[in-house]
Amino acid sequence: MATENSQVYHERQRLQFCLVHALNSLFQQKDAFTRAKLNAISERLTLEDSNSETWTPLSVLFKPHHNVLTGNYDINVLIAALEEKGKTVVWHDRRKGASSIDVDAPEDVLMGFVINVAVTRFAGIWRSRHWIALRKIDGVWYNLDSDLTAPQPFFDTDKVREFLDSTLAHGGEVLIVMNEKQS
């Protein structure tokens, strides 16, 4: 975790490993999660899935929960990874808007947000999804998007809600990461 005398931890995008970067930025720790760890979670989820698809030659690269070469992990890997660290993930109901999210909740209750947004790259040729972390550090909310050159602070909680509402309006998903188990 950052303190007054330290920097906010932020990882930059590499291939499609944005979930690795988002989780490490969310936890404010290098290697809180690694590619190998998320690959292992993905493999475990595949083995646990009773509806596993039949094997094809492409199965070597394109696994049910990620792409072996580039990453591109799915929501199941995110939830399993966070649960392994004792966190709870609440999928926000987009119909309620960001105003229904308590962004002022104490940090021992609300860890932050992981957002999934549509992205278009390479002049519109490539369309995919991208994971982004938001976290309050020392009382300030930050956008820890790995596509940014540096973390971007929000000036106040209204700006956080505006960002979340804009994300929802553009088809993004907001996942609330809680430090405590929610009943």
C-alpha atoms as a PDB file:
ATOM      1  CA  MET A   1       0.000   0.000   0.000  1.00  0.00           C
ATOM      2  CA  ALA A   2       1.235   3.491  -0.761  1.00  0.00           C
ATOM      3  CA  THR A   3       2.045   5.901   2.035  1.00  0.00           C
ATOM      4  CA  GLU A   4       2.655   9.641   2.053  1.00  0.00           C
ATOM      5  CA  ASN A   5       6.326   9.073   1.268  1.00  0.00           C
ATOM      6  CA  SER A   6       5.852   6.493  -1.468  1.00  0.00           C
ATOM      7  CA  GLN A   7       4.543   6.242  -4.989  1.00  0.00           C
ATOM      8  CA  VAL A   8       1.263   4.685  -6.044  1.00  0.00           C
ATOM      9  CA  TYR A   9       2.078   1.281  -7.556  1.00  0.00           C
ATOM     10  CA  HIS A  10       1.047   1.055 -11.224  1.00  0.00           C
ATOM     11  CA  GLU A  11       1.816  -1.531 -13.895  1.00  0.00           C
ATOM     12  CA  ARG A  12       1.887  -0.778 -17.616  1.00  0.00           C
ATOM     13  CA  GLN A  13       0.105  -2.851 -20.261  1.00  0.00           C
ATOM     14  CA  ARG A  14       1.927  -5.761 -21.902  1.00  0.00           C
ATOM     15  CA  LEU A  15       0.159  -7.935 -24.483  1.00  0.00           C
ATOM     16  CA  GLN A  16      -3.273  -8.880 -23.081  1.00  0.00           C
ATOM     17  CA  PHE A  17      -2.133  -9.341 -19.498  1.00  0.00           C
ATOM     18  CA  CYS A  18      -4.276  -6.448 -18.297  1.00  0.00           C
ATOM     19  CA  LEU A  19      -5.861  -8.654 -15.611  1.00  0.00           C
ATOM     20  CA  VAL A  20      -2.416  -9.358 -14.115  1.00  0.00           C
ATOM     21  CA  HIS A  21      -1.655  -5.619 -14.187  1.00  0.00           C
ATOM     22  CA  ALA A  22      -5.074  -4.637 -12.804  1.00  0.00           C
ATOM     23  CA  LEU A  23      -4.812  -7.092  -9.898  1.00  0.00           C
ATOM     24  CA  ASN A  24      -1.253  -6.078  -8.991  1.00  0.00           C
ATOM     25  CA  SER A  25      -2.253  -2.410  -9.111  1.00  0.00           C
ATOM     26  CA  LEU A  26      -5.372  -3.127  -7.054  1.00  0.00           C
ATOM     27  CA  PHE A  27      -3.258  -4.891  -4.397  1.00  0.00           C
ATOM     28  CA  GLN A  28      -0.514  -2.236  -4.736  1.00  0.00           C
ATOM     29  CA  GLN A  29       2.067  -5.007  -4.944  1.00  0.00           C
ATOM     30  CA  LYS A  30       4.339  -6.247  -7.697  1.00  0.00           C
ATOM     31  CA  ASP A  31       3.702  -9.944  -8.261  1.00  0.00           C
ATOM     32  CA  ALA A  32       0.641 -10.142  -5.999  1.00  0.00           C
ATOM     33  CA  PHE A  33      -0.427 -12.130  -9.048  1.00  0.00           C
ATOM     34  CA  THR A  34       1.747 -13.462 -11.845  1.00  0.00           C
ATOM     35  CA  ARG A  35       1.022 -14.829 -15.284  1.00  0.00           C
ATOM     36  CA  ALA A  36       1.876 -18.313 -13.962  1.00  0.00           C
ATOM     37  CA  LYS A  37      -0.533 -17.929 -11.031  1.00  0.00           C
ATOM     38  CA  LEU A  38      -3.440 -16.797 -13.238  1.00  0.00           C
ATOM     39  CA  ASN A  39      -2.650 -19.563 -15.744  1.00  0.00           C
ATOM     40  CA  ALA A  40      -2.801 -22.102 -12.894  1.00  0.00           C
ATOM     41  CA  ILE A  41      -6.166 -20.706 -11.752  1.00  0.00           C
ATOM     42  CA  SER A  42      -7.410 -20.916 -15.336  1.00  0.00           C
ATOM     43  CA  GLU A  43      -6.267 -24.534 -15.651  1.00  0.00           C
ATOM     44  CA  ARG A  44      -7.913 -25.434 -12.334  1.00  0.00           C
ATOM     45  CA  LEU A  45     -11.186 -23.852 -13.472  1.00  0.00           C
ATOM     46  CA  THR A  46     -11.025 -25.841 -16.711  1.00  0.00           C
ATOM     47  CA  LEU A  47     -10.533 -29.104 -14.801  1.00  0.00           C
ATOM     48  CA  GLU A  48     -13.422 -28.261 -12.447  1.00  0.00           C
ATOM     49  CA  ASP A  49     -15.753 -27.453 -15.356  1.00  0.00           C
ATOM     50  CA  SER A  50     -17.903 -30.488 -16.079  1.00  0.00           C
ATOM     51  CA  ASN A  51     -18.905 -28.957 -19.419  1.00  0.00           C
ATOM     52  CA  SER A  52     -15.345 -28.749 -20.752  1.00  0.00           C
ATOM     53  CA  GLU A  53     -15.204 -28.497 -24.511  1.00  0.00           C
ATOM     54  CA  THR A  54     -13.613 -31.251 -26.541  1.00  0.00           C
ATOM     55  CA  TRP A  55      -9.960 -30.873 -27.397  1.00  0.00           C
ATOM     56  CA  THR A  56      -8.911 -29.416 -30.778  1.00  0.00           C
ATOM     57  CA  PRO A  57      -5.448 -28.399 -32.023  1.00  0.00           C
ATOM     58  CA  LEU A  58      -6.357 -24.781 -31.167  1.00  0.00           C
ATOM     59  CA  SER A  59      -6.963 -25.838 -27.547  1.00  0.00           C
ATOM     60  CA  VAL A  60      -3.205 -25.609 -26.996  1.00  0.00           C
ATOM     61  CA  LEU A  61      -3.421 -21.797 -27.337  1.00  0.00           C
ATOM     62  CA  PHE A  62      -7.039 -20.911 -26.699  1.00  0.00           C
ATOM     63  CA  LYS A  63      -8.061 -22.233 -23.318  1.00  0.00           C
ATOM     64  CA  PRO A  64     -11.617 -21.799 -21.993  1.00  0.00           C
ATOM     65  CA  HIS A  65     -10.540 -19.078 -19.531  1.00  0.00           C
ATOM     66  CA  HIS A  66      -7.526 -17.444 -21.237  1.00  0.00           C
ATOM     67  CA  ASN A  67      -5.188 -17.325 -24.217  1.00  0.00           C
ATOM     68  CA  VAL A  68      -1.890 -19.071 -23.431  1.00  0.00           C
ATOM     69  CA  LEU A  69       0.285 -16.636 -25.400  1.00  0.00           C
ATOM     70  CA  THR A  70      -1.309 -13.275 -24.712  1.00  0.00           C
ATOM     71  CA  GLY A  71      -3.314 -13.667 -21.511  1.00  0.00           C
ATOM     72  CA  ASN A  72      -6.793 -12.259 -22.039  1.00  0.00           C
ATOM     73  CA  TYR A  73      -8.206 -13.837 -18.866  1.00  0.00           C
ATOM     74  CA  ASP A  74     -11.950 -14.018 -18.258  1.00  0.00           C
ATOM     75  CA  ILE A  75     -14.160 -13.053 -15.313  1.00  0.00           C
ATOM     76  CA  ASN A  76     -13.960 -16.536 -13.782  1.00  0.00           C
ATOM     77  CA  VAL A  77     -10.203 -16.183 -13.335  1.00  0.00           C
ATOM     78  CA  LEU A  78     -10.648 -12.728 -11.786  1.00  0.00           C
ATOM     79  CA  ILE A  79     -13.208 -13.930  -9.243  1.00  0.00           C
ATOM     80  CA  ALA A  80     -11.215 -17.057  -8.322  1.00  0.00           C
ATOM     81  CA  ALA A  81      -8.003 -15.024  -7.908  1.00  0.00           C
ATOM     82  CA  LEU A  82      -9.677 -12.482  -5.634  1.00  0.00           C
ATOM     83  CA  GLU A  83     -11.439 -15.158  -3.595  1.00  0.00           C
ATOM     84  CA  GLU A  84      -8.068 -16.857  -3.015  1.00  0.00           C
ATOM     85  CA  LYS A  85      -6.970 -13.603  -1.356  1.00  0.00           C
ATOM     86  CA  GLY A  86     -10.097 -13.485   0.822  1.00  0.00           C
ATOM     87  CA  LYS A  87     -11.924 -10.852  -1.225  1.00  0.00           C
ATOM     88  CA  THR A  88     -15.535 -10.826  -2.359  1.00  0.00           C
ATOM     89  CA  VAL A  89     -16.565  -9.656  -5.825  1.00  0.00           C
ATOM     90  CA  VAL A  90     -19.963  -8.037  -6.314  1.00  0.00           C
ATOM     91  CA  TRP A  91     -21.081  -7.555  -9.907  1.00  0.00           C
ATOM     92  CA  HIS A  92     -22.746  -4.133  -9.994  1.00  0.00           C
ATOM     93  CA  ASP A  93     -26.235  -4.005 -11.495  1.00  0.00           C
ATOM     94  CA  ARG A  94     -25.834  -1.486 -14.325  1.00  0.00           C
ATOM     95  CA  ARG A  95     -29.520  -0.522 -14.110  1.00  0.00           C
ATOM     96  CA  LYS A  96     -28.842   1.152 -10.763  1.00  0.00           C
ATOM     97  CA  GLY A  97     -26.058   3.442 -11.971  1.00  0.00           C
ATOM     98  CA  ALA A  98     -22.982   4.435 -10.002  1.00  0.00           C
ATOM     99  CA  SER A  99     -24.958   6.560  -7.547  1.00  0.00           C
ATOM    100  CA  SER A 100     -25.990   3.342  -5.775  1.00  0.00           C
ATOM    101  CA  ILE A 101     -22.342   2.409  -5.077  1.00  0.00           C
ATOM    102  CA  ASP A 102     -20.941   3.568  -1.737  1.00  0.00           C
ATOM    103  CA  VAL A 103     -17.580   4.869  -2.955  1.00  0.00           C
ATOM    104  CA  ASP A 104     -17.123   6.447   0.490  1.00  0.00           C
ATOM    105  CA  ALA A 105     -17.236   3.072   2.272  1.00  0.00           C
ATOM    106  CA  PRO A 106     -14.319   2.533   4.670  1.00  0.00           C
ATOM    107  CA  GLU A 107     -11.211   1.010   3.089  1.00  0.00           C
ATOM    108  CA  ASP A 108     -11.466  -2.006   5.409  1.00  0.00           C
ATOM    109  CA  VAL A 109     -14.795  -2.776   3.687  1.00  0.00           C
ATOM    110  CA  LEU A 110     -14.320  -1.556   0.087  1.00  0.00           C
ATOM    111  CA  MET A 111     -11.011  -2.477  -1.528  1.00  0.00           C
ATOM    112  CA  GLY A 112     -11.767  -0.936  -4.925  1.00  0.00           C
ATOM    113  CA  PHE A 113     -13.212  -1.671  -8.349  1.00  0.00           C
ATOM    114  CA  VAL A 114     -12.235  -3.779 -11.302  1.00  0.00           C
ATOM    115  CA  ILE A 115     -13.814  -2.605 -14.518  1.00  0.00           C
ATOM    116  CA  ASN A 116     -14.082  -4.447 -17.822  1.00  0.00           C
ATOM    117  CA  VAL A 117     -14.437  -2.287 -20.936  1.00  0.00           C
ATOM    118  CA  ALA A 118     -14.531  -2.842 -24.678  1.00  0.00           C
ATOM    119  CA  VAL A 119     -11.418  -1.661 -26.526  1.00  0.00           C
ATOM    120  CA  THR A 120     -10.554  -1.266 -30.174  1.00  0.00           C
ATOM    121  CA  ARG A 121      -6.892  -1.347 -31.184  1.00  0.00           C
ATOM    122  CA  PHE A 122      -4.797  -1.289 -34.335  1.00  0.00           C
ATOM    123  CA  ALA A 123      -6.986   1.177 -36.251  1.00  0.00           C
ATOM    124  CA  GLY A 124     -10.150  -0.744 -35.454  1.00  0.00           C
ATOM    125  CA  ILE A 125      -8.892  -4.119 -36.655  1.00  0.00           C
ATOM    126  CA  TRP A 126      -8.712  -5.683 -33.176  1.00  0.00           C
ATOM    127  CA  ARG A 127     -11.605  -5.619 -30.721  1.00  0.00           C
ATOM    128  CA  SER A 128     -11.276  -7.013 -27.251  1.00  0.00           C
ATOM    129  CA  ARG A 129     -12.006  -6.365 -23.571  1.00  0.00           C
ATOM    130  CA  HIS A 130      -9.714  -4.626 -21.079  1.00  0.00           C
ATOM    131  CA  TRP A 131      -9.461  -4.851 -17.261  1.00  0.00           C
ATOM    132  CA  ILE A 132      -8.948  -1.650 -15.226  1.00  0.00           C
ATOM    133  CA  ALA A 133      -8.471  -1.219 -11.468  1.00  0.00           C
ATOM    134  CA  LEU A 134      -9.659   1.731  -9.376  1.00  0.00           C
ATOM    135  CA  ARG A 135      -8.470   2.040  -5.791  1.00  0.00           C
ATOM    136  CA  LYS A 136      -8.553   4.573  -2.976  1.00  0.00           C
ATOM    137  CA  ILE A 137      -5.038   5.083  -1.616  1.00  0.00           C
ATOM    138  CA  ASP A 138      -4.419   7.395   1.318  1.00  0.00           C
ATOM    139  CA  GLY A 139      -7.869   8.916   0.850  1.00  0.00           C
ATOM    140  CA  VAL A 140      -7.519   9.562  -2.903  1.00  0.00           C
ATOM    141  CA  TRP A 141      -9.175   7.466  -5.629  1.00  0.00           C
ATOM    142  CA  TYR A 142      -6.917   6.504  -8.559  1.00  0.00           C
ATOM    143  CA  ASN A 143      -7.535   5.139 -12.035  1.00  0.00           C
ATOM    144  CA  LEU A 144      -4.819   2.478 -12.297  1.00  0.00           C
ATOM    145  CA  ASP A 145      -5.491   1.572 -15.944  1.00  0.00           C
ATOM    146  CA  SER A 146      -2.421  -0.189 -17.347  1.00  0.00           C
ATOM    147  CA  ASP A 147      -2.900   1.666 -20.647  1.00  0.00           C
ATOM    148  CA  LEU A 148      -2.166   4.964 -18.849  1.00  0.00           C
ATOM    149  CA  THR A 149       1.421   6.162 -18.503  1.00  0.00           C
ATOM    150  CA  ALA A 150       0.806   6.882 -14.798  1.00  0.00           C
ATOM    151  CA  PRO A 151      -2.018   6.510 -12.256  1.00  0.00           C
ATOM    152  CA  GLN A 152      -4.606   9.253 -12.593  1.00  0.00           C
ATOM    153  CA  PRO A 153      -6.142  10.650  -9.403  1.00  0.00           C
ATOM    154  CA  PHE A 154      -9.805  11.584  -9.227  1.00  0.00           C
ATOM    155  CA  PHE A 155     -10.400  14.995  -7.647  1.00  0.00           C
ATOM    156  CA  ASP A 156     -13.353  13.765  -5.578  1.00  0.00           C
ATOM    157  CA  THR A 157     -15.863  10.919  -5.260  1.00  0.00           C
ATOM    158  CA  ASP A 158     -18.259  12.633  -7.675  1.00  0.00           C
ATOM    159  CA  LYS A 159     -15.596  12.222 -10.399  1.00  0.00           C
ATOM    160  CA  VAL A 160     -15.290   8.523  -9.500  1.00  0.00           C
ATOM    161  CA  ARG A 161     -19.071   8.115  -9.880  1.00  0.00           C
ATOM    162  CA  GLU A 162     -19.012  10.023 -13.203  1.00  0.00           C
ATOM    163  CA  PHE A 163     -16.270   7.699 -14.465  1.00  0.00           C
ATOM    164  CA  LEU A 164     -18.206   4.609 -13.354  1.00  0.00           C
ATOM    165  CA  ASP A 165     -21.441   5.931 -14.931  1.00  0.00           C
ATOM    166  CA  SER A 166     -19.595   6.632 -18.190  1.00  0.00           C
ATOM    167  CA  THR A 167     -18.131   3.117 -18.096  1.00  0.00           C
ATOM    168  CA  LEU A 168     -21.602   1.614 -17.630  1.00  0.00           C
ATOM    169  CA  ALA A 169     -23.098   3.831 -20.362  1.00  0.00           C
ATOM    170  CA  HIS A 170     -20.483   2.575 -22.833  1.00  0.00           C
ATOM    171  CA  GLY A 171     -21.131  -1.115 -22.138  1.00  0.00           C
ATOM    172  CA  GLY A 172     -18.512  -1.631 -19.455  1.00  0.00           C
ATOM    173  CA  GLU A 173     -18.945  -3.805 -16.400  1.00  0.00           C
ATOM    174  CA  VAL A 174     -18.208  -2.668 -12.851  1.00  0.00           C
ATOM    175  CA  LEU A 175     -17.103  -5.220 -10.282  1.00  0.00           C
ATOM    176  CA  ILE A 176     -16.926  -4.096  -6.667  1.00  0.00           C
ATOM    177  CA  VAL A 177     -14.103  -5.706  -4.692  1.00  0.00           C
ATOM    178  CA  MET A 178     -14.921  -6.013  -1.011  1.00  0.00           C
ATOM    179  CA  ASN A 179     -12.487  -6.728   1.812  1.00  0.00           C
ATOM    180  CA  GLU A 180     -15.206  -8.306   3.924  1.00  0.00           C
ATOM    181  CA  LYS A 181     -17.554 -11.152   3.096  1.00  0.00           C
ATOM    182  CA  GLN A 182     -20.936  -9.777   2.037  1.00  0.00           C
ATOM    183  CA  SER A 183     -24.085 -11.584   3.133  1.00  0.00           C
END
